[in-house]
């Protein structure tokens, strides 16, 4: 089927998630004509559903929130060889693919990175074989944008409890959600250990905010859409604002194939594919890539020119390198009394005492309790190691302990490696004929040493909180580039070792930007979504001011 040429716009934003939605809103409200291309569908709450077997928290089967196309695999290269991996299978490292991206289904933990997260190399040195580096910007550069994200998108939290960790000029716009039985037990344990704790900040309405209802505290939060529209994502905040201007247009089921350039190498627009397979070109003054760390790198690599034969921004072979996410460390404990009261979202209390400055280790992690655990997820992840996975004993344990087992864990600050990367596969193509992502490499071994330490602190906290027994675990050596994927277009002042400058602009191009976690030099010891949003605000503000 033949394609068509769309009318020219001022800016094309590829992706409607945390970064893309922010960029679209800032530019549309600045008077620019904006087109947002989203490869996923525009799904209602009912269409996403609440299937315990098919969701983004437990990927056993294909799920409606995508990627849902069986003809769009990835190739994973590991010690066992090459594997073709479908979107719902382990190793695909996929984000939710629908309007709103991952923010439609995320747990919405709204942490600011700590000041030391921006200076990891200076703080710890560079482990051999790693690509650990400092950011070209610091916390103070991003603080105003953190504040803007918290207020314009909506975060609940305790300003006083977090004041020793971040310099901030303004409190959170909403108070924290009420604490439940888990938090009560963990507060007792933290007091016994002398640890500092604080409520987990969340991009969730604890009271009506932004014209949307307050959280009803249902049990289906992370991995699912919100029935009350109280979870604040791109789809119901900034993207809605962009569309309300009348200057932004959203095209779901539109797959960006390549960034178009003129003969001189200047970016001129985006070629995209619709659901029928027809190809189109939209011309634009500016292109902003916000498709996630793997797909943004794939798009740039699939956009070669004579001047940049390996893809835009890739003359120094940096696009796709330093792929990282979060290796999680955790512990589980059996409590004498129930700690689950059936009220969501579940995650409530955290400590930041071990994010940095752990003797002999590089970085660390935030520790917090877990979201409300569905029975199937409890069976898959929360059983003690000495319990059979099938049979009468297993069933009885779940009946007796589902409400009494508590999980504490956190995202370990990954040490990036230049060999952890995504490239275009030379043989496998998706249903539209576009080369698929080829993932290879692993996290740095130092990450696992830190993970062991963090898992030990999680177990210690559970025992101090009254657990009769507790067991620790941490992620194995490998890629952990799923929901928190980052790093493939890292930010830096030197184009030989980075892809974008400190404003998110691709080196060598004055009208090509990246506004997602691809630009992260390191990914923090906390959840990164608020940093994605803050960086997108900072990038789009600078772009609109200079335009």
Protein backbone atom coordinates (compact mmCIF):
# COMPACT_ATOMS: atom_id res chain seq x y z
CA UNK A 1 0.00 0.00 0.00
CA UNK A 2 1.32 3.42 -0.89
CA UNK A 3 2.03 5.95 1.80
CA UNK A 4 1.24 9.65 1.94
CA UNK A 5 3.21 12.76 2.86
CA UNK A 6 1.78 14.54 5.87
CA UNK A 7 1.64 18.29 6.29
CA UNK A 8 4.78 19.75 7.79
CA UNK A 9 4.86 20.35 11.56
CA UNK A 10 7.24 22.17 13.86
CA UNK A 11 8.21 19.15 15.93
CA UNK A 12 7.83 15.37 15.82
CA UNK A 13 7.99 13.53 19.15
CA UNK A 14 8.58 9.78 18.88
CA UNK A 15 6.99 8.14 21.92
CA UNK A 16 4.23 9.24 24.30
CA UNK A 17 5.67 8.07 27.61
CA UNK A 18 7.30 9.91 30.49
CA UNK A 19 9.65 12.03 28.37
CA UNK A 20 7.62 12.31 25.16
CA UNK A 21 4.49 13.55 26.87
CA UNK A 22 6.40 16.27 28.71
CA UNK A 23 8.20 17.41 25.54
CA UNK A 24 4.93 17.55 23.59
CA UNK A 25 3.22 19.65 26.28
CA UNK A 26 6.04 22.17 26.66
CA UNK A 27 6.37 22.70 22.91
CA UNK A 28 2.63 22.82 22.17
CA UNK A 29 2.07 25.31 24.99
CA UNK A 30 4.92 27.39 23.56
CA UNK A 31 2.96 27.70 20.32
CA UNK A 32 4.57 24.93 18.25
CA UNK A 33 2.72 22.47 16.02
CA UNK A 34 3.57 19.03 17.38
CA UNK A 35 2.98 15.50 16.11
CA UNK A 36 3.37 12.61 18.57
CA UNK A 37 4.04 9.19 17.04
CA UNK A 38 3.19 6.26 19.34
CA UNK A 39 3.73 2.71 18.15
CA UNK A 40 1.24 1.32 20.69
CA UNK A 41 -2.52 1.53 20.79
CA UNK A 42 -4.73 4.03 22.62
CA UNK A 43 -6.33 1.60 25.05
CA UNK A 44 -9.11 2.16 27.54
CA UNK A 45 -8.98 0.83 31.09
CA UNK A 46 -11.32 -2.00 30.12
CA UNK A 47 -9.21 -2.92 27.11
CA UNK A 48 -6.06 -3.21 29.23
CA UNK A 49 -7.90 -5.43 31.69
CA UNK A 50 -6.91 -7.02 35.00
CA UNK A 51 -5.77 -10.44 33.90
CA UNK A 52 -3.45 -11.93 36.54
CA UNK A 53 -1.72 -14.08 33.92
CA UNK A 54 -1.26 -11.38 31.29
CA UNK A 55 0.10 -8.12 32.65
CA UNK A 56 3.31 -6.14 32.93
CA UNK A 57 4.01 -7.33 36.46
CA UNK A 58 4.03 -11.02 35.56
CA UNK A 59 4.87 -11.65 31.92
CA UNK A 60 3.94 -15.28 31.42
CA UNK A 61 1.76 -14.70 28.37
CA UNK A 62 1.23 -11.95 25.75
CA UNK A 63 -0.60 -8.96 27.21
CA UNK A 64 -2.82 -6.30 25.71
CA UNK A 65 -0.64 -3.40 26.79
CA UNK A 66 2.06 -4.50 24.40
CA UNK A 67 4.25 -4.94 22.60
CA UNK A 68 1.58 -7.35 21.37
CA UNK A 69 2.90 -8.18 17.90
CA UNK A 70 4.36 -11.66 17.56
CA UNK A 71 6.33 -10.53 14.53
CA UNK A 72 8.39 -8.01 16.50
CA UNK A 73 10.94 -10.07 18.46
CA UNK A 74 14.41 -9.16 19.67
CA UNK A 75 17.62 -11.14 19.48
CA UNK A 76 19.41 -11.75 22.77
CA UNK A 77 23.04 -12.85 22.84
CA UNK A 78 24.29 -14.49 26.03
CA UNK A 79 26.68 -17.22 27.15
CA UNK A 80 24.36 -19.87 25.71
CA UNK A 81 24.29 -18.27 22.25
CA UNK A 82 21.67 -16.32 20.30
CA UNK A 83 17.99 -16.45 21.17
CA UNK A 84 14.95 -15.05 19.40
CA UNK A 85 12.80 -13.58 22.17
CA UNK A 86 9.17 -12.53 21.83
CA UNK A 87 7.82 -9.44 23.65
CA UNK A 88 6.33 -11.27 26.64
CA UNK A 89 9.28 -13.62 27.19
CA UNK A 90 12.19 -13.18 29.64
CA UNK A 91 15.08 -11.30 28.11
CA UNK A 92 13.01 -9.07 25.82
CA UNK A 93 13.48 -6.12 28.18
CA UNK A 94 10.32 -4.38 27.02
CA UNK A 95 8.44 -1.35 28.22
CA UNK A 96 4.68 -1.15 28.04
CA UNK A 97 3.73 -0.09 24.53
CA UNK A 98 0.57 2.00 24.43
CA UNK A 99 -0.42 5.65 24.66
CA UNK A 100 1.27 6.90 27.83
CA UNK A 101 4.02 4.29 27.60
CA UNK A 102 5.17 2.82 30.88
CA UNK A 103 3.47 5.58 32.87
CA UNK A 104 0.10 4.02 32.14
CA UNK A 105 0.99 0.93 34.18
CA UNK A 106 3.90 1.88 36.40
CA UNK A 107 4.08 1.75 40.18
CA UNK A 108 4.70 5.52 40.05
CA UNK A 109 7.53 5.79 42.58
CA UNK A 110 8.60 9.42 42.21
CA UNK A 111 12.15 9.65 43.51
CA UNK A 112 14.58 12.42 42.75
CA UNK A 113 18.11 11.18 42.10
CA UNK A 114 20.40 12.02 44.98
CA UNK A 115 23.18 14.60 44.42
CA UNK A 116 25.86 11.88 44.50
CA UNK A 117 24.08 9.98 41.70
CA UNK A 118 25.40 12.60 39.28
CA UNK A 119 29.05 12.21 40.39
CA UNK A 120 29.54 8.45 40.65
CA UNK A 121 32.97 8.33 39.00
CA UNK A 122 34.32 11.20 41.10
CA UNK A 123 32.87 9.68 44.26
CA UNK A 124 33.99 6.07 43.79
CA UNK A 125 36.54 5.92 40.98
CA UNK A 126 36.00 3.90 37.81
CA UNK A 127 35.97 0.10 38.26
CA UNK A 128 38.11 -1.76 35.72
CA UNK A 129 36.14 -2.76 32.65
CA UNK A 130 33.29 -0.36 33.42
CA UNK A 131 32.21 2.87 31.76
CA UNK A 132 31.22 4.61 34.99
CA UNK A 133 31.26 8.39 34.47
CA UNK A 134 29.99 11.62 35.96
CA UNK A 135 27.04 13.43 34.44
CA UNK A 136 27.85 16.78 32.79
CA UNK A 137 25.12 18.31 34.97
CA UNK A 138 24.46 18.08 38.70
CA UNK A 139 21.50 17.91 41.03
CA UNK A 140 21.25 21.69 41.31
CA UNK A 141 20.89 21.98 37.52
CA UNK A 142 17.91 19.62 37.59
CA UNK A 143 16.25 20.69 40.85
CA UNK A 144 13.90 23.29 39.29
CA UNK A 145 12.74 20.70 36.75
CA UNK A 146 12.17 18.10 39.48
CA UNK A 147 9.94 20.62 41.21
CA UNK A 148 8.04 21.36 38.02
CA UNK A 149 7.45 17.65 37.39
CA UNK A 150 6.22 17.08 40.94
CA UNK A 151 3.70 19.93 40.77
CA UNK A 152 2.55 19.77 37.15
CA UNK A 153 2.19 15.98 37.00
CA UNK A 154 1.36 15.41 40.66
CA UNK A 155 3.37 13.72 43.44
CA UNK A 156 2.39 12.82 46.98
CA UNK A 157 5.10 12.64 49.61
CA UNK A 158 6.52 13.93 52.90
CA UNK A 159 8.63 17.04 52.37
CA UNK A 160 10.04 17.09 55.92
CA UNK A 161 11.03 13.41 55.92
CA UNK A 162 13.05 13.79 52.72
CA UNK A 163 14.66 17.13 53.49
CA UNK A 164 17.99 15.67 54.57
CA UNK A 165 18.43 13.88 51.25
CA UNK A 166 17.61 16.67 48.76
CA UNK A 167 17.86 20.41 48.70
CA UNK A 168 14.43 21.54 47.59
CA UNK A 169 12.66 24.89 47.49
CA UNK A 170 9.06 23.65 47.60
CA UNK A 171 7.19 20.80 49.31
CA UNK A 172 5.30 18.07 47.52
CA UNK A 173 1.88 19.17 46.28
CA UNK A 174 0.13 16.31 48.14
CA UNK A 175 0.65 14.55 51.46
CA UNK A 176 1.56 10.84 51.42
CA UNK A 177 -0.97 8.06 51.11
CA UNK A 178 -1.98 6.49 54.44
CA UNK A 179 0.41 3.89 55.81
CA UNK A 180 -0.68 0.31 56.41
CA UNK A 181 0.45 -2.72 58.38
CA UNK A 182 3.68 -3.17 56.41
CA UNK A 183 4.84 0.35 57.19
CA UNK A 184 3.96 0.00 60.88
CA UNK A 185 6.14 -3.09 61.20
CA UNK A 186 9.00 -1.57 59.22
CA UNK A 187 8.94 1.65 61.25
CA UNK A 188 9.45 -0.42 64.41
CA UNK A 189 12.35 -2.26 62.81
CA UNK A 190 14.00 0.90 61.52
CA UNK A 191 13.74 2.51 64.95
CA UNK A 192 15.43 -0.51 66.52
CA UNK A 193 18.25 -0.29 63.96
CA UNK A 194 18.57 3.49 64.09
CA UNK A 195 17.76 3.85 60.38
CA UNK A 196 16.09 6.89 58.85
CA UNK A 197 12.86 6.19 56.93
CA UNK A 198 10.41 8.18 54.83
CA UNK A 199 7.15 7.57 52.96
CA UNK A 200 7.69 6.55 49.34
CA UNK A 201 6.84 9.53 47.08
CA UNK A 202 4.35 8.52 44.41
CA UNK A 203 2.93 9.97 41.20
CA UNK A 204 -0.49 9.09 42.62
CA UNK A 205 -3.20 11.38 43.92
CA UNK A 206 -3.58 11.02 47.69
CA UNK A 207 -6.30 13.68 47.41
CA UNK A 208 -8.17 14.93 44.33
CA UNK A 209 -5.62 16.78 42.18
CA UNK A 210 -5.43 18.09 38.65
CA UNK A 211 -9.11 17.41 38.05
CA UNK A 212 -8.68 13.70 38.86
CA UNK A 213 -9.88 11.61 41.79
CA UNK A 214 -7.86 10.37 44.74
CA UNK A 215 -6.47 6.84 44.93
CA UNK A 216 -9.08 4.24 45.96
CA UNK A 217 -6.27 1.95 47.24
CA UNK A 218 -7.17 -1.00 45.03
CA UNK A 219 -4.86 -4.01 44.84
CA UNK A 220 -3.98 -3.68 41.14
CA UNK A 221 -1.47 -0.84 40.87
CA UNK A 222 1.93 -1.66 39.41
CA UNK A 223 1.51 -3.46 36.09
CA UNK A 224 -2.08 -2.33 35.63
CA UNK A 225 -4.04 0.76 34.63
CA UNK A 226 -5.75 2.79 37.36
CA UNK A 227 -9.56 2.43 37.62
CA UNK A 228 -9.90 5.83 39.32
CA UNK A 229 -7.50 7.73 37.01
CA UNK A 230 -5.58 8.64 40.17
CA UNK A 231 -2.21 7.40 38.88
CA UNK A 232 -0.55 10.35 37.18
CA UNK A 233 1.14 9.45 33.92
CA UNK A 234 1.82 11.09 30.60
CA UNK A 235 -1.57 10.06 29.17
CA UNK A 236 -3.74 11.96 31.69
CA UNK A 237 -1.52 14.96 32.46
CA UNK A 238 1.03 16.45 30.06
CA UNK A 239 -0.13 14.64 26.94
CA UNK A 240 -3.70 15.74 27.62
CA UNK A 241 -2.44 19.29 28.05
CA UNK A 242 -0.61 19.14 24.74
CA UNK A 243 -3.72 17.93 22.90
CA UNK A 244 -5.89 20.55 24.63
CA UNK A 245 -3.90 23.35 22.96
CA UNK A 246 -5.18 22.28 19.54
CA UNK A 247 -1.59 22.42 18.31
CA UNK A 248 -0.66 18.80 19.07
CA UNK A 249 -1.80 15.65 17.31
CA UNK A 250 -1.35 12.08 18.53
CA UNK A 251 -1.03 9.16 16.12
CA UNK A 252 -1.27 5.75 17.84
CA UNK A 253 -0.10 2.60 16.06
CA UNK A 254 2.50 4.67 14.19
CA UNK A 255 5.93 3.02 14.15
CA UNK A 256 8.88 5.36 13.58
CA UNK A 257 11.22 3.69 11.09
CA UNK A 258 13.97 6.24 10.60
CA UNK A 259 14.85 9.89 11.10
CA UNK A 260 15.03 11.58 7.70
CA UNK A 261 17.89 13.88 6.70
CA UNK A 262 18.72 16.05 3.70
CA UNK A 263 21.92 15.50 1.64
CA UNK A 264 23.91 17.66 4.03
CA UNK A 265 22.88 15.46 6.99
CA UNK A 266 20.45 17.92 8.54
CA UNK A 267 17.42 16.27 10.15
CA UNK A 268 14.21 16.98 8.21
CA UNK A 269 11.57 14.70 9.72
CA UNK A 270 10.56 11.09 10.40
CA UNK A 271 9.50 8.20 8.21
CA UNK A 272 6.86 6.07 9.92
CA UNK A 273 4.72 3.01 9.25
CA UNK A 274 0.99 2.74 9.95
CA UNK A 275 -0.89 -0.38 11.04
CA UNK A 276 -1.51 -1.43 7.42
CA UNK A 277 2.19 -1.30 6.60
CA UNK A 278 1.96 1.90 4.55
CA UNK A 279 4.93 4.22 4.94
CA UNK A 280 4.63 7.97 5.46
CA UNK A 281 6.98 10.90 6.00
CA UNK A 282 6.29 13.85 8.25
CA UNK A 283 8.57 16.84 7.78
CA UNK A 284 9.60 18.84 10.84
CA UNK A 285 11.96 21.50 12.08
CA UNK A 286 12.84 19.40 15.14
CA UNK A 287 12.73 15.69 15.98
CA UNK A 288 12.63 14.48 19.60
CA UNK A 289 13.27 10.78 20.27
CA UNK A 290 11.51 9.50 23.38
CA UNK A 291 10.86 5.84 22.60
CA UNK A 292 12.84 4.29 25.47
CA UNK A 293 16.50 3.40 25.67
CA UNK A 294 16.34 0.38 23.36
CA UNK A 295 13.94 1.73 20.75
CA UNK A 296 15.48 5.22 20.62
CA UNK A 297 18.90 3.68 19.99
CA UNK A 298 17.38 1.39 17.36
CA UNK A 299 15.78 4.37 15.60
CA UNK A 300 19.03 6.35 15.49
CA UNK A 301 21.02 3.32 14.31
CA UNK A 302 18.46 2.70 11.56
CA UNK A 303 18.91 6.26 10.27
CA UNK A 304 22.32 6.21 8.55
CA UNK A 305 23.54 8.97 6.25
CA UNK A 306 26.64 9.42 4.15
CA UNK A 307 28.10 11.57 6.91
CA UNK A 308 27.05 9.11 9.65
CA UNK A 309 27.02 5.65 8.06
CA UNK A 310 26.35 3.81 11.35
CA UNK A 311 23.40 5.95 12.37
CA UNK A 312 22.77 9.44 13.65
CA UNK A 313 25.08 10.47 16.49
CA UNK A 314 27.00 7.22 16.09
CA UNK A 315 30.29 8.06 14.41
CA UNK A 316 32.08 7.13 17.65
CA UNK A 317 30.11 3.89 18.17
CA UNK A 318 28.36 5.19 21.28
CA UNK A 319 24.69 4.80 20.33
CA UNK A 320 23.38 1.66 22.04
CA UNK A 321 26.28 1.22 24.46
CA UNK A 322 26.14 1.41 28.29
CA UNK A 323 22.70 -0.22 28.35
CA UNK A 324 21.59 -0.53 31.94
CA UNK A 325 18.51 -0.70 34.11
CA UNK A 326 18.31 -1.98 37.67
CA UNK A 327 19.39 -5.24 39.22
CA UNK A 328 17.11 -5.66 42.24
CA UNK A 329 18.21 -6.97 45.61
CA UNK A 330 15.64 -8.05 48.15
CA UNK A 331 14.73 -10.18 51.13
CA UNK A 332 11.53 -11.79 52.31
CA UNK A 333 10.43 -12.47 55.85
CA UNK A 334 7.70 -14.47 57.58
CA UNK A 335 5.95 -12.35 60.18
CA UNK A 336 3.96 -13.67 63.16
CA UNK A 337 1.06 -11.34 62.45
CA UNK A 338 -0.53 -10.31 59.11
CA UNK A 339 1.19 -7.38 57.43
CA UNK A 340 -1.02 -7.18 54.35
CA UNK A 341 -4.32 -5.40 54.94
CA UNK A 342 -5.56 -5.72 51.35
CA UNK A 343 -5.14 -2.01 50.66
CA UNK A 344 -3.02 -0.80 47.77
CA UNK A 345 -0.77 0.36 46.37
CA UNK A 346 1.21 -1.47 49.08
CA UNK A 347 4.59 0.21 48.74
CA UNK A 348 4.74 2.78 51.51
CA UNK A 349 7.98 3.13 53.49
CA UNK A 350 11.63 3.37 52.42
CA UNK A 351 15.13 4.06 53.65
CA UNK A 352 17.80 5.87 51.65
CA UNK A 353 20.53 5.13 54.18
CA UNK A 354 22.27 2.71 51.80
CA UNK A 355 22.03 4.43 48.42
CA UNK A 356 25.61 5.69 48.82
CA UNK A 357 28.69 5.51 51.04
CA UNK A 358 28.68 1.80 51.80
CA UNK A 359 32.24 0.84 52.76
CA UNK A 360 34.17 -0.76 49.91
CA UNK A 361 31.20 -0.74 47.52
CA UNK A 362 30.19 1.37 44.52
CA UNK A 363 26.78 2.94 45.06
CA UNK A 364 23.89 1.12 46.69
CA UNK A 365 20.09 1.17 46.63
CA UNK A 366 16.94 2.48 48.19
CA UNK A 367 15.06 -0.14 50.24
CA UNK A 368 11.27 -0.19 50.44
CA UNK A 369 8.38 -2.57 51.02
CA UNK A 370 6.63 -4.10 48.02
CA UNK A 371 3.46 -3.29 46.13
CA UNK A 372 0.38 -5.36 46.90
CA UNK A 373 1.25 -8.83 45.67
CA UNK A 374 -1.26 -10.77 43.60
CA UNK A 375 -1.59 -14.46 44.59
CA UNK A 376 0.05 -15.68 41.40
CA UNK A 377 2.98 -13.27 41.86
CA UNK A 378 3.28 -14.43 45.46
CA UNK A 379 3.59 -18.01 44.23
CA UNK A 380 6.13 -17.02 41.55
CA UNK A 381 8.39 -14.81 43.69
CA UNK A 382 7.69 -14.82 47.41
CA UNK A 383 7.94 -18.46 48.51
CA UNK A 384 10.82 -19.61 50.73
CA UNK A 385 13.56 -21.53 48.91
CA UNK A 386 12.93 -24.78 50.83
CA UNK A 387 9.24 -25.00 49.91
CA UNK A 388 8.04 -27.25 47.05
CA UNK A 389 6.58 -25.25 44.14
CA UNK A 390 3.69 -27.69 43.70
CA UNK A 391 1.46 -29.90 45.81
CA UNK A 392 -0.50 -29.84 49.06
CA UNK A 393 2.35 -28.39 51.15
CA UNK A 394 2.71 -25.47 48.75
CA UNK A 395 -1.02 -24.73 48.82
CA UNK A 396 -1.17 -24.86 52.59
CA UNK A 397 1.79 -22.51 52.92
CA UNK A 398 0.12 -19.96 50.67
CA UNK A 399 -3.13 -20.20 52.64
CA UNK A 400 -1.31 -19.68 55.93
CA UNK A 401 1.26 -17.09 54.91
CA UNK A 402 0.01 -14.99 51.99
CA UNK A 403 -0.80 -12.10 54.36
CA UNK A 404 2.24 -12.65 56.58
CA UNK A 405 5.19 -12.71 54.16
CA UNK A 406 6.71 -9.29 53.56
CA UNK A 407 9.16 -8.37 50.83
CA UNK A 408 11.71 -5.55 51.12
CA UNK A 409 14.06 -4.61 48.30
CA UNK A 410 15.40 -1.97 46.00
CA UNK A 411 16.99 -1.07 42.65
CA UNK A 412 20.76 -1.44 42.89
CA UNK A 413 22.80 1.31 41.26
CA UNK A 414 24.14 -0.50 38.18
CA UNK A 415 27.75 -0.03 37.12
CA UNK A 416 27.55 0.53 33.34
CA UNK A 417 29.61 -1.47 30.90
CA UNK A 418 30.46 -0.43 27.33
CA UNK A 419 29.76 -4.01 26.21
CA UNK A 420 26.18 -3.98 27.51
CA UNK A 421 24.50 -2.73 24.39
CA UNK A 422 21.78 -2.83 21.76
CA UNK A 423 22.52 -2.96 18.02
CA UNK A 424 20.59 -3.70 14.85
CA UNK A 425 20.43 -7.39 14.13
CA UNK A 426 21.85 -8.10 10.66
CA UNK A 427 19.34 -10.83 9.81
CA UNK A 428 16.10 -10.59 11.80
CA UNK A 429 13.48 -8.01 10.88
CA UNK A 430 10.09 -7.16 12.36
CA UNK A 431 6.76 -7.32 10.56
CA UNK A 432 7.47 -3.98 8.87
CA UNK A 433 10.90 -5.01 7.59
CA UNK A 434 12.84 -2.97 10.15
CA UNK A 435 15.92 -4.63 11.73
CA UNK A 436 15.16 -5.71 15.29
CA UNK A 437 17.22 -4.87 18.37
CA UNK A 438 20.09 -7.22 19.18
CA UNK A 439 20.89 -7.15 22.91
CA UNK A 440 24.19 -8.34 24.35
CA UNK A 441 26.51 -7.92 27.30
CA UNK A 442 25.91 -7.93 31.03
CA UNK A 443 25.97 -5.74 34.06
CA UNK A 444 29.36 -5.20 35.72
CA UNK A 445 30.31 -7.70 38.47
CA UNK A 446 30.66 -4.83 40.97
CA UNK A 447 26.89 -4.43 40.76
CA UNK A 448 26.43 -7.90 42.25
CA UNK A 449 28.77 -7.21 45.17
CA UNK A 450 26.65 -4.21 46.01
CA UNK A 451 23.50 -6.27 45.50
CA UNK A 452 24.66 -8.82 48.07
CA UNK A 453 25.19 -6.04 50.60
CA UNK A 454 21.77 -4.49 49.92
CA UNK A 455 20.02 -7.87 50.19
CA UNK A 456 21.70 -8.32 53.55
CA UNK A 457 20.39 -4.97 54.79
CA UNK A 458 16.89 -5.90 53.61
CA UNK A 459 17.04 -9.14 55.60
CA UNK A 460 18.36 -7.28 58.63
CA UNK A 461 15.44 -4.84 58.45
CA UNK A 462 12.88 -7.64 58.26
CA UNK A 463 14.34 -9.46 61.24
CA UNK A 464 14.38 -6.24 63.27
CA UNK A 465 10.75 -5.70 62.26
CA UNK A 466 9.65 -9.01 63.78
CA UNK A 467 10.20 -11.62 61.08
CA UNK A 468 10.60 -15.12 62.56
CA UNK A 469 12.79 -16.01 59.60
CA UNK A 470 13.99 -14.17 56.51
CA UNK A 471 15.82 -15.07 53.34
CA UNK A 472 17.73 -12.81 50.96
CA UNK A 473 18.17 -12.83 47.21
CA UNK A 474 19.56 -10.66 44.43
CA UNK A 475 19.45 -10.59 40.67
CA UNK A 476 22.00 -12.74 38.79
CA UNK A 477 24.67 -11.43 36.44
CA UNK A 478 23.02 -10.34 33.22
CA UNK A 479 21.17 -7.48 31.53
CA UNK A 480 18.50 -5.83 33.65
CA UNK A 481 17.20 -3.41 31.05
CA UNK A 482 13.46 -3.89 31.36
CA UNK A 483 11.15 -1.32 32.89
CA UNK A 484 14.05 0.95 34.00
CA UNK A 485 16.14 0.73 30.81
CA UNK A 486 18.56 3.59 30.28
CA UNK A 487 21.97 4.71 29.11
CA UNK A 488 22.15 4.00 25.37
CA UNK A 489 22.47 7.66 24.30
CA UNK A 490 24.34 8.96 27.31
CA UNK A 491 24.76 12.63 28.03
CA UNK A 492 28.20 14.24 27.95
CA UNK A 493 30.30 17.15 26.77
CA UNK A 494 32.66 14.99 24.66
CA UNK A 495 31.09 13.51 21.52
CA UNK A 496 33.70 10.76 21.49
CA UNK A 497 32.24 9.25 24.68
CA UNK A 498 28.60 10.37 24.58
CA UNK A 499 25.67 10.84 22.20
CA UNK A 500 23.87 13.97 23.43
CA UNK A 501 25.02 17.19 25.06
CA UNK A 502 23.89 18.44 28.46
CA UNK A 503 20.60 19.65 26.95
CA UNK A 504 19.72 16.34 25.29
CA UNK A 505 20.73 17.47 21.78
CA UNK A 506 22.48 14.85 19.64
CA UNK A 507 26.08 15.85 18.96
CA UNK A 508 26.52 17.25 15.47
CA UNK A 509 22.81 18.09 15.04
CA UNK A 510 21.10 21.30 16.05
CA UNK A 511 17.56 19.95 15.66
CA UNK A 512 17.67 16.35 16.93
CA UNK A 513 17.04 15.63 20.62
CA UNK A 514 16.58 12.70 22.98
CA UNK A 515 14.10 13.02 25.87
CA UNK A 516 14.03 9.66 27.62
CA UNK A 517 16.26 7.60 29.93
CA UNK A 518 18.64 6.88 27.05
CA UNK A 519 20.54 10.00 28.14
CA UNK A 520 21.17 8.78 31.71
CA UNK A 521 24.86 8.41 32.44
CA UNK A 522 24.01 6.36 35.52
CA UNK A 523 20.53 5.28 36.59
CA UNK A 524 20.43 6.02 40.30
CA UNK A 525 19.74 3.74 43.23
CA UNK A 526 16.05 4.70 43.05
CA UNK A 527 13.33 4.49 40.42
CA UNK A 528 14.20 6.82 37.51
CA UNK A 529 10.88 8.06 36.09
CA UNK A 530 10.82 11.44 37.84
CA UNK A 531 14.33 12.09 36.48
CA UNK A 532 13.12 11.25 32.95
CA UNK A 533 10.30 13.76 33.35
CA UNK A 534 12.54 16.44 34.84
CA UNK A 535 15.14 16.08 32.08
CA UNK A 536 12.39 16.27 29.44
CA UNK A 537 11.10 19.51 31.00
CA UNK A 538 14.64 20.91 31.01
CA UNK A 539 15.33 19.88 27.40
CA UNK A 540 12.01 21.14 26.02
CA UNK A 541 12.20 24.42 27.92
CA UNK A 542 15.64 25.14 26.49
CA UNK A 543 14.54 24.15 23.01
CA UNK A 544 11.44 26.35 23.06
CA UNK A 545 13.43 29.28 24.48
CA UNK A 546 16.07 29.03 21.74
CA UNK A 547 13.61 28.38 18.91
